[in-house]
C-alpha atoms as a PDB file:
ATOM      1  CA  MET A   1      25.385  57.546  29.370  1.00  0.00           C
ATOM      2  CA  GLU A   2      27.229  60.875  29.070  1.00  0.00           C
ATOM      3  CA  ILE A   3      25.560  64.319  29.306  1.00  0.00           C
ATOM      4  CA  ASN A   4      27.925  66.766  27.630  1.00  0.00           C
ATOM      5  CA  GLN A   5      26.243  69.945  28.782  1.00  0.00           C
ATOM      6  CA  GLN A   6      25.104  70.978  32.309  1.00  0.00           C
ATOM      7  CA  LEU A   7      21.467  69.810  32.627  1.00  0.00           C
ATOM      8  CA  LEU A   8      20.327  72.955  34.417  1.00  0.00           C
ATOM      9  CA  ASN A   9      21.990  76.400  34.129  1.00  0.00           C
ATOM     10  CA  PRO A  10      22.425  78.626  37.263  1.00  0.00           C
ATOM     11  CA  VAL A  11      19.159  80.512  36.695  1.00  0.00           C
ATOM     12  CA  GLU A  12      17.195  77.268  36.435  1.00  0.00           C
ATOM     13  CA  GLN A  13      18.991  75.904  39.487  1.00  0.00           C
ATOM     14  CA  GLY A  14      18.035  79.078  41.352  1.00  0.00           C
ATOM     15  CA  LEU A  15      14.339  78.701  40.296  1.00  0.00           C
ATOM     16  CA  LEU A  16      14.341  75.069  41.192  1.00  0.00           C
ATOM     17  CA  ALA A  17      15.799  75.966  44.735  1.00  0.00           C
ATOM     18  CA  ILE A  18      12.998  78.355  45.259  1.00  0.00           C
ATOM     19  CA  MET A  19      10.324  75.797  44.232  1.00  0.00           C
ATOM     20  CA  ILE A  20      11.916  73.193  46.485  1.00  0.00           C
ATOM     21  CA  LEU A  21      11.777  75.592  49.443  1.00  0.00           C
ATOM     22  CA  ILE A  22       7.996  76.303  48.730  1.00  0.00           C
ATOM     23  CA  ILE A  23       7.332  72.455  48.592  1.00  0.00           C
ATOM     24  CA  MET A  24       9.083  71.809  51.898  1.00  0.00           C
ATOM     25  CA  PHE A  25       7.480  74.772  53.506  1.00  0.00           C
ATOM     26  CA  GLY A  26       4.101  73.419  52.446  1.00  0.00           C
ATOM     27  CA  MET A  27       5.002  69.996  53.728  1.00  0.00           C
ATOM     28  CA  GLY A  28       5.806  71.571  57.140  1.00  0.00           C
ATOM     29  CA  ALA A  29       2.377  73.172  57.069  1.00  0.00           C
ATOM     30  CA  THR A  30       0.806  69.773  57.203  1.00  0.00           C
ATOM     31  CA  LEU A  31       2.728  68.554  60.314  1.00  0.00           C
ATOM     32  CA  THR A  32       2.187  69.228  63.935  1.00  0.00           C
ATOM     33  CA  PRO A  33       4.013  67.979  67.042  1.00  0.00           C
ATOM     34  CA  LYS A  34       1.086  65.621  67.471  1.00  0.00           C
ATOM     35  CA  ASP A  35       2.029  63.840  64.257  1.00  0.00           C
ATOM     36  CA  PHE A  36       5.376  62.904  65.705  1.00  0.00           C
ATOM     37  CA  ARG A  37       3.779  61.699  68.980  1.00  0.00           C
ATOM     38  CA  SER A  38       1.284  59.728  66.828  1.00  0.00           C
ATOM     39  CA  ALA A  39       4.224  57.842  65.342  1.00  0.00           C
ATOM     40  CA  LEU A  40       5.001  56.552  68.882  1.00  0.00           C
ATOM     41  CA  GLU A  41       1.302  55.587  69.457  1.00  0.00           C
ATOM     42  CA  ARG A  42       1.292  53.332  66.388  1.00  0.00           C
ATOM     43  CA  PRO A  43       4.426  51.160  67.042  1.00  0.00           C
ATOM     44  CA  ARG A  44       3.440  48.241  64.800  1.00  0.00           C
ATOM     45  CA  GLY A  45       2.447  50.301  61.755  1.00  0.00           C
ATOM     46  CA  MET A  46       5.403  52.722  62.192  1.00  0.00           C
ATOM     47  CA  LEU A  47       7.918  49.756  62.568  1.00  0.00           C
ATOM     48  CA  ILE A  48       6.656  48.169  59.409  1.00  0.00           C
ATOM     49  CA  GLY A  49       6.833  51.515  57.711  1.00  0.00           C
ATOM     50  CA  PHE A  50      10.386  52.020  58.901  1.00  0.00           C
ATOM     51  CA  LEU A  51      11.527  48.519  57.645  1.00  0.00           C
ATOM     52  CA  SER A  52       9.872  49.271  54.409  1.00  0.00           C
ATOM     53  CA  GLN A  53      11.183  52.778  53.930  1.00  0.00           C
ATOM     54  CA  PHE A  54      14.741  52.243  55.115  1.00  0.00           C
ATOM     55  CA  GLY A  55      15.062  48.425  54.775  1.00  0.00           C
ATOM     56  CA  LEU A  56      13.329  47.460  51.550  1.00  0.00           C
ATOM     57  CA  MET A  57      13.638  50.592  49.398  1.00  0.00           C
ATOM     58  CA  PRO A  58      17.496  50.912  49.561  1.00  0.00           C
ATOM     59  CA  LEU A  59      17.859  47.177  48.881  1.00  0.00           C
ATOM     60  CA  ILE A  60      15.501  47.330  45.957  1.00  0.00           C
ATOM     61  CA  ALA A  61      17.346  50.317  44.468  1.00  0.00           C
ATOM     62  CA  PHE A  62      20.675  48.672  44.865  1.00  0.00           C
ATOM     63  CA  SER A  63      19.399  45.413  43.422  1.00  0.00           C
ATOM     64  CA  LEU A  64      18.002  47.123  40.379  1.00  0.00           C
ATOM     65  CA  ALA A  65      21.237  49.108  39.940  1.00  0.00           C
ATOM     66  CA  VAL A  66      23.222  45.845  39.927  1.00  0.00           C
ATOM     67  CA  LEU A  67      20.789  43.760  37.805  1.00  0.00           C
ATOM     68  CA  LEU A  68      20.542  46.588  35.148  1.00  0.00           C
ATOM     69  CA  GLN A  69      24.191  47.231  35.267  1.00  0.00           C
ATOM     70  CA  LEU A  70      23.722  50.987  35.598  1.00  0.00           C
ATOM     71  CA  PRO A  71      26.775  53.216  35.397  1.00  0.00           C
ATOM     72  CA  PRO A  72      28.233  54.164  38.849  1.00  0.00           C
ATOM     73  CA  ALA A  73      26.822  57.754  38.916  1.00  0.00           C
ATOM     74  CA  LEU A  74      23.272  56.567  37.907  1.00  0.00           C
ATOM     75  CA  ALA A  75      23.460  53.703  40.294  1.00  0.00           C
ATOM     76  CA  ILE A  76      24.255  56.193  43.222  1.00  0.00           C
ATOM     77  CA  ALA A  77      21.350  58.303  42.110  1.00  0.00           C
ATOM     78  CA  LEU A  78      18.968  55.317  42.091  1.00  0.00           C
ATOM     79  CA  ILE A  79      20.230  54.230  45.590  1.00  0.00           C
ATOM     80  CA  LEU A  80      19.961  57.845  46.778  1.00  0.00           C
ATOM     81  CA  ILE A  81      16.283  57.828  45.738  1.00  0.00           C
ATOM     82  CA  GLY A  82      15.707  54.485  47.513  1.00  0.00           C
ATOM     83  CA  CYS A  83      17.132  55.876  50.766  1.00  0.00           C
ATOM     84  CA  LEU A  84      14.909  59.040  50.784  1.00  0.00           C
ATOM     85  CA  PRO A  85      12.174  59.704  53.282  1.00  0.00           C
ATOM     86  CA  GLY A  86       8.595  60.035  52.198  1.00  0.00           C
ATOM     87  CA  GLY A  87       6.850  63.341  51.292  1.00  0.00           C
ATOM     88  CA  THR A  88       3.469  64.972  51.250  1.00  0.00           C
ATOM     89  CA  THR A  89       2.753  63.500  47.842  1.00  0.00           C
ATOM     90  CA  SER A  90       2.340  60.056  49.570  1.00  0.00           C
ATOM     91  CA  ASN A  91      -0.083  61.587  52.106  1.00  0.00           C
ATOM     92  CA  MET A  92      -2.240  62.885  49.288  1.00  0.00           C
ATOM     93  CA  PHE A  93      -2.374  59.599  47.471  1.00  0.00           C
ATOM     94  CA  ALA A  94      -3.082  57.768  50.849  1.00  0.00           C
ATOM     95  CA  TYR A  95      -6.164  59.887  51.188  1.00  0.00           C
ATOM     96  CA  PHE A  96      -7.439  59.216  47.662  1.00  0.00           C
ATOM     97  CA  ALA A  97      -6.577  55.543  48.148  1.00  0.00           C
ATOM     98  CA  ARG A  98      -8.793  55.332  51.211  1.00  0.00           C
ATOM     99  CA  GLY A  99      -5.802  54.690  53.444  1.00  0.00           C
ATOM    100  CA  SER A 100      -4.797  55.771  56.914  1.00  0.00           C
ATOM    101  CA  VAL A 101      -3.859  59.470  56.326  1.00  0.00           C
ATOM    102  CA  ALA A 102      -2.749  59.611  60.051  1.00  0.00           C
ATOM    103  CA  LEU A 103      -0.340  56.831  59.612  1.00  0.00           C
ATOM    104  CA  SER A 104       0.973  58.155  56.352  1.00  0.00           C
ATOM    105  CA  ILE A 105       1.671  61.621  57.848  1.00  0.00           C
ATOM    106  CA  SER A 106       3.331  60.013  60.961  1.00  0.00           C
ATOM    107  CA  MET A 107       5.500  57.950  58.730  1.00  0.00           C
ATOM    108  CA  THR A 108       6.431  60.977  56.655  1.00  0.00           C
ATOM    109  CA  ALA A 109       7.266  62.995  59.809  1.00  0.00           C
ATOM    110  CA  ALA A 110       9.258  60.215  61.373  1.00  0.00           C
ATOM    111  CA  SER A 111      11.239  59.304  58.196  1.00  0.00           C
ATOM    112  CA  THR A 112      12.108  62.850  57.543  1.00  0.00           C
ATOM    113  CA  LEU A 113      13.889  63.083  60.769  1.00  0.00           C
ATOM    114  CA  LEU A 114      15.378  59.550  60.687  1.00  0.00           C
ATOM    115  CA  ALA A 115      16.802  60.337  57.200  1.00  0.00           C
ATOM    116  CA  LEU A 116      19.427  62.445  58.854  1.00  0.00           C
ATOM    117  CA  VAL A 117      20.879  59.313  60.385  1.00  0.00           C
ATOM    118  CA  MET A 118      19.826  56.586  58.062  1.00  0.00           C
ATOM    119  CA  MET A 119      20.772  58.115  54.711  1.00  0.00           C
ATOM    120  CA  PRO A 120      24.537  58.406  55.374  1.00  0.00           C
ATOM    121  CA  ILE A 121      24.498  54.781  56.832  1.00  0.00           C
ATOM    122  CA  LEU A 122      22.616  53.333  53.896  1.00  0.00           C
ATOM    123  CA  LEU A 123      24.540  55.159  51.195  1.00  0.00           C
ATOM    124  CA  ASP A 124      27.870  53.968  52.790  1.00  0.00           C
ATOM    125  CA  LEU A 125      26.440  50.408  52.755  1.00  0.00           C
ATOM    126  CA  TYR A 126      25.032  50.233  49.260  1.00  0.00           C
ATOM    127  CA  ALA A 127      26.784  53.078  47.280  1.00  0.00           C
ATOM    128  CA  SER A 128      30.357  53.019  48.494  1.00  0.00           C
ATOM    129  CA  GLY A 129      31.373  50.407  45.815  1.00  0.00           C
ATOM    130  CA  PHE A 130      30.063  52.545  42.965  1.00  0.00           C
ATOM    131  CA  ALA A 131      31.717  55.569  44.574  1.00  0.00           C
ATOM    132  CA  ASP A 132      35.145  53.723  44.480  1.00  0.00           C
ATOM    133  CA  ARG A 133      34.549  52.895  40.774  1.00  0.00           C
ATOM    134  CA  ILE A 134      33.984  56.604  40.054  1.00  0.00           C
ATOM    135  CA  ASP A 135      37.057  57.650  41.966  1.00  0.00           C
ATOM    136  CA  ALA A 136      39.223  55.112  40.151  1.00  0.00           C
ATOM    137  CA  ASP A 137      37.998  56.332  36.795  1.00  0.00           C
ATOM    138  CA  LEU A 138      38.574  59.896  37.580  1.00  0.00           C
ATOM    139  CA  ARG A 139      42.045  59.298  38.841  1.00  0.00           C
ATOM    140  CA  ALA A 140      42.838  57.118  35.781  1.00  0.00           C
ATOM    141  CA  ALA A 141      41.756  60.128  33.640  1.00  0.00           C
ATOM    142  CA  GLY A 142      44.245  62.378  35.469  1.00  0.00           C
ATOM    143  CA  ASP A 143      41.868  64.001  38.040  1.00  0.00           C
ATOM    144  CA  ASP A 144      43.906  64.384  41.205  1.00  0.00           C
ATOM    145  CA  VAL A 145      40.828  65.212  43.266  1.00  0.00           C
ATOM    146  CA  GLY A 146      38.980  61.859  42.611  1.00  0.00           C
ATOM    147  CA  PHE A 147      35.677  61.341  44.091  1.00  0.00           C
ATOM    148  CA  VAL A 148      34.490  60.750  47.707  1.00  0.00           C
ATOM    149  CA  MET A 149      30.904  60.269  48.693  1.00  0.00           C
ATOM    150  CA  PRO A 150      29.913  63.750  50.136  1.00  0.00           C
ATOM    151  CA  TYR A 151      28.299  62.567  53.320  1.00  0.00           C
ATOM    152  CA  THR A 152      28.733  65.874  55.172  1.00  0.00           C
ATOM    153  CA  ASN A 153      27.165  67.763  52.325  1.00  0.00           C
ATOM    154  CA  ILE A 154      24.259  65.239  52.194  1.00  0.00           C
ATOM    155  CA  ILE A 155      23.595  65.778  55.841  1.00  0.00           C
ATOM    156  CA  LEU A 156      23.766  69.505  55.482  1.00  0.00           C
ATOM    157  CA  SER A 157      21.375  69.332  52.603  1.00  0.00           C
ATOM    158  CA  LEU A 158      18.901  67.451  54.674  1.00  0.00           C
ATOM    159  CA  LEU A 159      19.254  69.939  57.501  1.00  0.00           C
ATOM    160  CA  LEU A 160      18.778  72.858  55.099  1.00  0.00           C
ATOM    161  CA  VAL A 161      15.498  71.404  53.628  1.00  0.00           C
ATOM    162  CA  LEU A 162      14.227  70.901  57.232  1.00  0.00           C
ATOM    163  CA  VAL A 163      14.481  74.620  57.828  1.00  0.00           C
ATOM    164  CA  PRO A 164      11.418  75.489  55.644  1.00  0.00           C
ATOM    165  CA  VAL A 165       9.650  72.413  57.098  1.00  0.00           C
ATOM    166  CA  ALA A 166      10.005  73.947  60.520  1.00  0.00           C
ATOM    167  CA  GLY A 167       8.742  77.248  59.206  1.00  0.00           C
ATOM    168  CA  GLY A 168       5.678  75.565  57.859  1.00  0.00           C
ATOM    169  CA  MET A 169       4.997  73.948  61.183  1.00  0.00           C
ATOM    170  CA  ILE A 170       5.250  77.387  62.887  1.00  0.00           C
ATOM    171  CA  LEU A 171       2.789  78.823  60.360  1.00  0.00           C
ATOM    172  CA  LEU A 172       0.322  76.123  61.029  1.00  0.00           C
ATOM    173  CA  ARG A 173       0.474  76.894  64.680  1.00  0.00           C
ATOM    174  CA  VAL A 174       0.038  80.611  64.107  1.00  0.00           C
ATOM    175  CA  SER A 175      -2.406  80.633  61.110  1.00  0.00           C
ATOM    176  CA  PRO A 176      -4.097  77.413  60.091  1.00  0.00           C
ATOM    177  CA  ASP A 177      -5.751  79.197  57.184  1.00  0.00           C
ATOM    178  CA  TRP A 178      -2.522  80.377  55.659  1.00  0.00           C
ATOM    179  CA  ALA A 179      -0.953  76.891  56.364  1.00  0.00           C
ATOM    180  CA  LYS A 180      -3.743  75.347  54.336  1.00  0.00           C
ATOM    181  CA  THR A 181      -2.910  77.664  51.521  1.00  0.00           C
ATOM    182  CA  ALA A 182       0.772  76.756  51.826  1.00  0.00           C
ATOM    183  CA  GLU A 183      -0.170  73.119  51.787  1.00  0.00           C
ATOM    184  CA  ASP A 184      -2.258  73.459  48.587  1.00  0.00           C
ATOM    185  CA  THR A 185       0.510  75.469  46.993  1.00  0.00           C
ATOM    186  CA  ALA A 186       3.058  72.812  47.757  1.00  0.00           C
ATOM    187  CA  GLY A 187       0.889  70.098  46.135  1.00  0.00           C
ATOM    188  CA  PHE A 188       0.590  72.249  42.988  1.00  0.00           C
ATOM    189  CA  MET A 189       4.222  73.184  43.017  1.00  0.00           C
ATOM    190  CA  ALA A 190       5.322  69.556  43.144  1.00  0.00           C
ATOM    191  CA  ILE A 191       3.725  69.038  39.665  1.00  0.00           C
ATOM    192  CA  VAL A 192       5.119  72.308  38.466  1.00  0.00           C
ATOM    193  CA  VAL A 193       8.659  71.172  39.471  1.00  0.00           C
ATOM    194  CA  ILE A 194       8.348  68.045  37.339  1.00  0.00           C
ATOM    195  CA  LEU A 195       6.947  69.929  34.338  1.00  0.00           C
ATOM    196  CA  PHE A 196       9.636  72.607  34.765  1.00  0.00           C
ATOM    197  CA  LEU A 197      12.491  70.122  34.744  1.00  0.00           C
ATOM    198  CA  LEU A 198      11.082  68.050  31.855  1.00  0.00           C
ATOM    199  CA  GLY A 199      10.359  71.193  29.881  1.00  0.00           C
ATOM    200  CA  SER A 200      13.906  72.501  30.490  1.00  0.00           C
ATOM    201  CA  VAL A 201      15.406  69.238  29.313  1.00  0.00           C
ATOM    202  CA  LEU A 202      13.087  69.031  26.289  1.00  0.00           C
ATOM    203  CA  ILE A 203      13.966  72.541  25.140  1.00  0.00           C
ATOM    204  CA  ARG A 204      17.694  72.471  25.561  1.00  0.00           C
ATOM    205  CA  HIS A 205      18.534  68.668  25.639  1.00  0.00           C
ATOM    206  CA  SER A 206      15.826  67.088  23.553  1.00  0.00           C
ATOM    207  CA  ASN A 207      18.185  64.329  22.314  1.00  0.00           C
ATOM    208  CA  LEU A 208      18.577  63.129  25.952  1.00  0.00           C
ATOM    209  CA  PHE A 209      15.294  61.244  25.772  1.00  0.00           C
ATOM    210  CA  LEU A 210      16.550  59.354  22.780  1.00  0.00           C
ATOM    211  CA  ILE A 211      20.022  58.515  23.966  1.00  0.00           C
ATOM    212  CA  THR A 212      18.953  57.454  27.425  1.00  0.00           C
ATOM    213  CA  PRO A 213      19.440  53.637  27.659  1.00  0.00           C
ATOM    214  CA  TRP A 214      16.244  51.562  28.446  1.00  0.00           C
ATOM    215  CA  GLN A 215      17.926  50.310  31.608  1.00  0.00           C
ATOM    216  CA  ILE A 216      17.692  53.792  32.997  1.00  0.00           C
ATOM    217  CA  TYR A 217      14.112  54.184  32.170  1.00  0.00           C
ATOM    218  CA  LEU A 218      13.313  50.721  33.590  1.00  0.00           C
ATOM    219  CA  GLY A 219      15.303  51.483  36.858  1.00  0.00           C
ATOM    220  CA  SER A 220      13.578  54.744  37.456  1.00  0.00           C
ATOM    221  CA  LEU A 221      10.104  53.197  36.765  1.00  0.00           C
ATOM    222  CA  CYS A 222      10.505  49.887  38.661  1.00  0.00           C
ATOM    223  CA  VAL A 223      12.055  51.312  41.854  1.00  0.00           C
ATOM    224  CA  GLY A 224       8.543  52.824  42.889  1.00  0.00           C
ATOM    225  CA  LEU A 225       6.454  49.992  41.483  1.00  0.00           C
ATOM    226  CA  ILE A 226       8.424  47.310  43.332  1.00  0.00           C
ATOM    227  CA  GLY A 227       8.327  49.548  46.485  1.00  0.00           C
ATOM    228  CA  PHE A 228       4.525  49.581  46.284  1.00  0.00           C
ATOM    229  CA  LEU A 229       4.457  45.830  45.944  1.00  0.00           C
ATOM    230  CA  PHE A 230       6.890  44.941  48.736  1.00  0.00           C
ATOM    231  CA  GLY A 231       5.378  47.662  51.117  1.00  0.00           C
ATOM    232  CA  TYR A 232       2.012  46.015  50.726  1.00  0.00           C
ATOM    233  CA  GLY A 233       3.355  42.509  51.075  1.00  0.00           C
ATOM    234  CA  MET A 234       5.211  43.285  54.258  1.00  0.00           C
ATOM    235  CA  SER A 235       2.183  44.897  55.746  1.00  0.00           C
ATOM    236  CA  SER A 236       0.066  41.827  54.770  1.00  0.00           C
ATOM    237  CA  LEU A 237       2.648  39.451  56.350  1.00  0.00           C
ATOM    238  CA  THR A 238       2.354  41.401  59.613  1.00  0.00           C
ATOM    239  CA  ARG A 239      -1.463  41.368  59.385  1.00  0.00           C
ATOM    240  CA  LEU A 240      -1.895  45.134  59.434  1.00  0.00           C
ATOM    241  CA  PRO A 241      -5.495  46.421  58.747  1.00  0.00           C
ATOM    242  CA  PRO A 242      -6.210  47.038  55.023  1.00  0.00           C
ATOM    243  CA  ARG A 243      -6.178  50.922  55.450  1.00  0.00           C
ATOM    244  CA  TYR A 244      -2.660  50.663  57.003  1.00  0.00           C
ATOM    245  CA  LYS A 245      -1.479  48.264  54.122  1.00  0.00           C
ATOM    246  CA  ARG A 246      -2.433  50.899  51.559  1.00  0.00           C
ATOM    247  CA  SER A 247      -0.734  53.730  53.372  1.00  0.00           C
ATOM    248  CA  VAL A 248       2.530  51.699  53.986  1.00  0.00           C
ATOM    249  CA  SER A 249       2.592  50.615  50.342  1.00  0.00           C
ATOM    250  CA  LEU A 250       2.282  54.221  49.033  1.00  0.00           C
ATOM    251  CA  GLU A 251       4.622  55.654  51.607  1.00  0.00           C
ATOM    252  CA  THR A 252       7.237  53.044  50.608  1.00  0.00           C
ATOM    253  CA  GLY A 253       7.087  53.512  46.872  1.00  0.00           C
ATOM    254  CA  ILE A 254       6.682  57.331  46.815  1.00  0.00           C
ATOM    255  CA  GLN A 255      10.016  59.036  47.873  1.00  0.00           C
ATOM    256  CA  ASN A 256      10.558  62.734  48.480  1.00  0.00           C
ATOM    257  CA  GLY A 257      11.832  63.760  44.949  1.00  0.00           C
ATOM    258  CA  PRO A 258      12.403  67.488  45.867  1.00  0.00           C
ATOM    259  CA  ILE A 259      14.877  66.333  48.593  1.00  0.00           C
ATOM    260  CA  ALA A 260      16.723  64.330  45.855  1.00  0.00           C
ATOM    261  CA  PHE A 261      17.019  67.370  43.728  1.00  0.00           C
ATOM    262  CA  ALA A 262      18.346  69.474  46.605  1.00  0.00           C
ATOM    263  CA  ILE A 263      20.897  66.842  47.670  1.00  0.00           C
ATOM    264  CA  ILE A 264      22.168  66.328  44.166  1.00  0.00           C
ATOM    265  CA  LEU A 265      22.549  70.118  43.487  1.00  0.00           C
ATOM    266  CA  LEU A 266      24.171  70.771  46.782  1.00  0.00           C
ATOM    267  CA  SER A 267      26.416  67.777  47.188  1.00  0.00           C
ATOM    268  CA  PHE A 268      27.657  66.563  43.705  1.00  0.00           C
ATOM    269  CA  ARG A 269      29.727  68.267  41.011  1.00  0.00           C
ATOM    270  CA  GLU A 270      29.601  67.921  37.210  1.00  0.00           C
ATOM    271  CA  PRO A 271      29.484  65.764  35.170  1.00  0.00           C
ATOM    272  CA  LEU A 272      27.944  63.521  37.909  1.00  0.00           C
ATOM    273  CA  GLN A 273      25.472  66.090  38.903  1.00  0.00           C
ATOM    274  CA  SER A 274      23.591  66.275  35.556  1.00  0.00           C
ATOM    275  CA  GLN A 275      23.553  62.405  35.256  1.00  0.00           C
ATOM    276  CA  MET A 276      22.140  61.972  38.718  1.00  0.00           C
ATOM    277  CA  LEU A 277      19.656  64.770  38.308  1.00  0.00           C
ATOM    278  CA  TRP A 278      18.296  63.185  35.031  1.00  0.00           C
ATOM    279  CA  LEU A 279      17.581  59.913  36.839  1.00  0.00           C
ATOM    280  CA  ALA A 280      15.847  61.780  39.654  1.00  0.00           C
ATOM    281  CA  ILE A 281      13.697  63.629  37.132  1.00  0.00           C
ATOM    282  CA  LEU A 282      12.668  60.374  35.463  1.00  0.00           C
ATOM    283  CA  TYR A 283      11.813  58.812  38.789  1.00  0.00           C
ATOM    284  CA  SER A 284       9.742  61.826  39.833  1.00  0.00           C
ATOM    285  CA  SER A 285       7.864  61.833  36.534  1.00  0.00           C
ATOM    286  CA  PHE A 286       7.129  58.013  36.627  1.00  0.00           C
ATOM    287  CA  ILE A 287       6.092  57.950  40.208  1.00  0.00           C
ATOM    288  CA  VAL A 288       3.269  60.465  39.699  1.00  0.00           C
ATOM    289  CA  ILE A 289       1.815  58.356  36.830  1.00  0.00           C
ATOM    290  CA  THR A 290       2.274  54.905  38.584  1.00  0.00           C
ATOM    291  CA  SER A 291       0.895  56.345  41.884  1.00  0.00           C
ATOM    292  CA  SER A 292      -2.143  57.464  40.239  1.00  0.00           C
ATOM    293  CA  PHE A 293      -2.981  53.995  38.801  1.00  0.00           C
ATOM    294  CA  VAL A 294      -2.087  52.203  42.059  1.00  0.00           C
ATOM    295  CA  THR A 295      -4.280  54.714  44.035  1.00  0.00           C
ATOM    296  CA  LEU A 296      -7.206  54.004  41.769  1.00  0.00           C
ATOM    297  CA  PHE A 297      -6.774  50.301  42.235  1.00  0.00           C
ATOM    298  CA  TYR A 298      -6.510  50.697  46.062  1.00  0.00           C
ATOM    299  CA  ARG A 299      -9.512  52.968  46.176  1.00  0.00           C
ATOM    300  CA  ARG A 300     -11.543  50.406  44.340  1.00  0.00           C
ATOM    301  CA  ILE A 301     -10.609  47.406  46.579  1.00  0.00           C
ATOM    302  CA  GLY A 302     -10.769  49.406  49.810  1.00  0.00           C
ATOM    303  CA  LYS A 303     -14.336  50.710  49.416  1.00  0.00           C
ATOM    304  CA  GLY A 304     -15.806  48.070  51.805  1.00  0.00           C
ATOM    305  CA  ASP A 305     -13.399  48.302  54.682  1.00  0.00           C
ATOM    306  CA  TRP A 306     -13.321  52.118  54.336  1.00  0.00           C
ATOM    307  CA  GLU A 307     -17.051  52.308  54.793  1.00  0.00           C
ATOM    308  CA  ILE A 308     -16.834  50.033  57.819  1.00  0.00           C
ATOM    309  CA  HIS A 309     -14.026  52.208  59.268  1.00  0.00           C
ATOM    310  CA  ARG A 310     -16.192  55.309  58.751  1.00  0.00           C
ATOM    311  CA  ASN A 311     -19.191  53.774  60.366  1.00  0.00           C
ATOM    312  CA  ASN A 312     -17.201  52.650  63.396  1.00  0.00           C
ATOM    313  CA  LEU A 313     -15.903  56.220  63.898  1.00  0.00           C
ATOM    314  CA  VAL A 314     -19.493  57.521  63.884  1.00  0.00           C
ATOM    315  CA  HIS A 315     -20.592  54.723  66.224  1.00  0.00           C
ATOM    316  CA  LYS A 316     -17.834  55.514  68.738  1.00  0.00           C
ATOM    317  CA  ARG A 317     -18.657  59.160  68.741  1.00  0.00           C
ATOM    318  CA  LEU A 318     -22.285  58.286  69.467  1.00  0.00           C
ATOM    319  CA  PHE A 319     -21.884  55.347  71.921  1.00  0.00           C
ATOM    320  CA  GLY A 320     -18.428  55.802  73.341  1.00  0.00           C
ATOM    321  CA  GLU A 321     -14.878  54.557  72.517  1.00  0.00           C
ATOM    322  CA  ASP A 322     -15.494  51.163  73.959  1.00  0.00           C
ATOM    323  CA  TYR A 323     -18.442  50.339  71.659  1.00  0.00           C
ATOM    324  CA  HIS A 324     -17.713  47.791  69.002  1.00  0.00           C
ATOM    325  CA  THR A 325     -20.097  47.355  66.061  1.00  0.00           C
ATOM    326  CA  ARG A 326     -21.007  43.775  65.107  1.00  0.00           C
ATOM    327  CA  TYR A 327     -21.566  43.451  61.301  1.00  0.00           C
ATOM    328  CA  PRO A 328     -23.277  40.419  59.829  1.00  0.00           C
ATOM    329  CA  GLU A 329     -21.001  38.230  58.046  1.00  0.00           C
ATOM    330  CA  ALA A 330     -23.158  38.206  54.892  1.00  0.00           C
ATOM    331  CA  ALA A 331     -22.988  41.959  54.788  1.00  0.00           C
ATOM    332  CA  VAL A 332     -19.187  42.383  55.204  1.00  0.00           C
ATOM    333  CA  GLY A 333     -17.911  39.007  53.835  1.00  0.00           C
ATOM    334  CA  LYS A 334     -14.135  38.755  54.380  1.00  0.00           C
ATOM    335  CA  VAL A 335     -13.600  42.560  54.968  1.00  0.00           C
ATOM    336  CA  ASP A 336     -11.278  43.375  57.911  1.00  0.00           C
ATOM    337  CA  GLN A 337     -13.364  45.466  60.357  1.00  0.00           C
ATOM    338  CA  ARG A 338     -10.482  46.972  62.206  1.00  0.00           C
END
């Protein structure tokens, strides 16, 4: 698929950059140093989350790119999305899905830092073959520069988006009320970004929706859906509590789209930039829709174990941390009481 015009003009890119900064600042406003310490206090849940985030998702994205025979630039974009850390969107959906919000936030905090190391490694492992194909095609067309995967720019992009995250954490420490406002603004802004990008494409590149091959739509849709499924499956195999299963599943499938936009805009040049950005826009749009349906399903099946969890918290506050409530089997059935 070829995009003959630049997908976003300089003004739109500037507006997008501002919105990304607001989103990442709001993400930082939800994090505290305790969240990073909590990651170490939940070693089993965090290990499963790490394997799902940086083990399953890149492999899923690579497999989809190969099976669907995506063009090299779009294959790299899909793999890039698979290598991303989680974001605040997954924390919000974990809350509504009656999952463990503490685990979700801990996974987001840990994966955001680990991405600095893991993303270059994973991109070199899964995307280098596609990068070589782009380089060969460019040189065959007379481009002396060719193409090399911009690992340094990707790392710098990640460091750059971490700056507003750190600013948000400082705001939370100084003024929790303003931090809450920043958090709420970030959640709203994430939706605005998707609508802004889709609106821009619809106004200036409306034919793009028609010329996009079905493989690209399918790949951008399935990478999140398969992530949900495999994240839940891996959590089930390791016998995590149901609340943790739901959180790991959502954290696995929901990647940090704004970071993808930032990396693509700062690290890649045209015509690759617009192609990759289009796939990232499609993923971000689909993931909001699919996450909503998955969350509604998880919320329904998690009603019993969530009520038991809430009751246990109340009982421990009343009778001490060592107190364990015994529920009649007839009342709870097969619900995991952990």
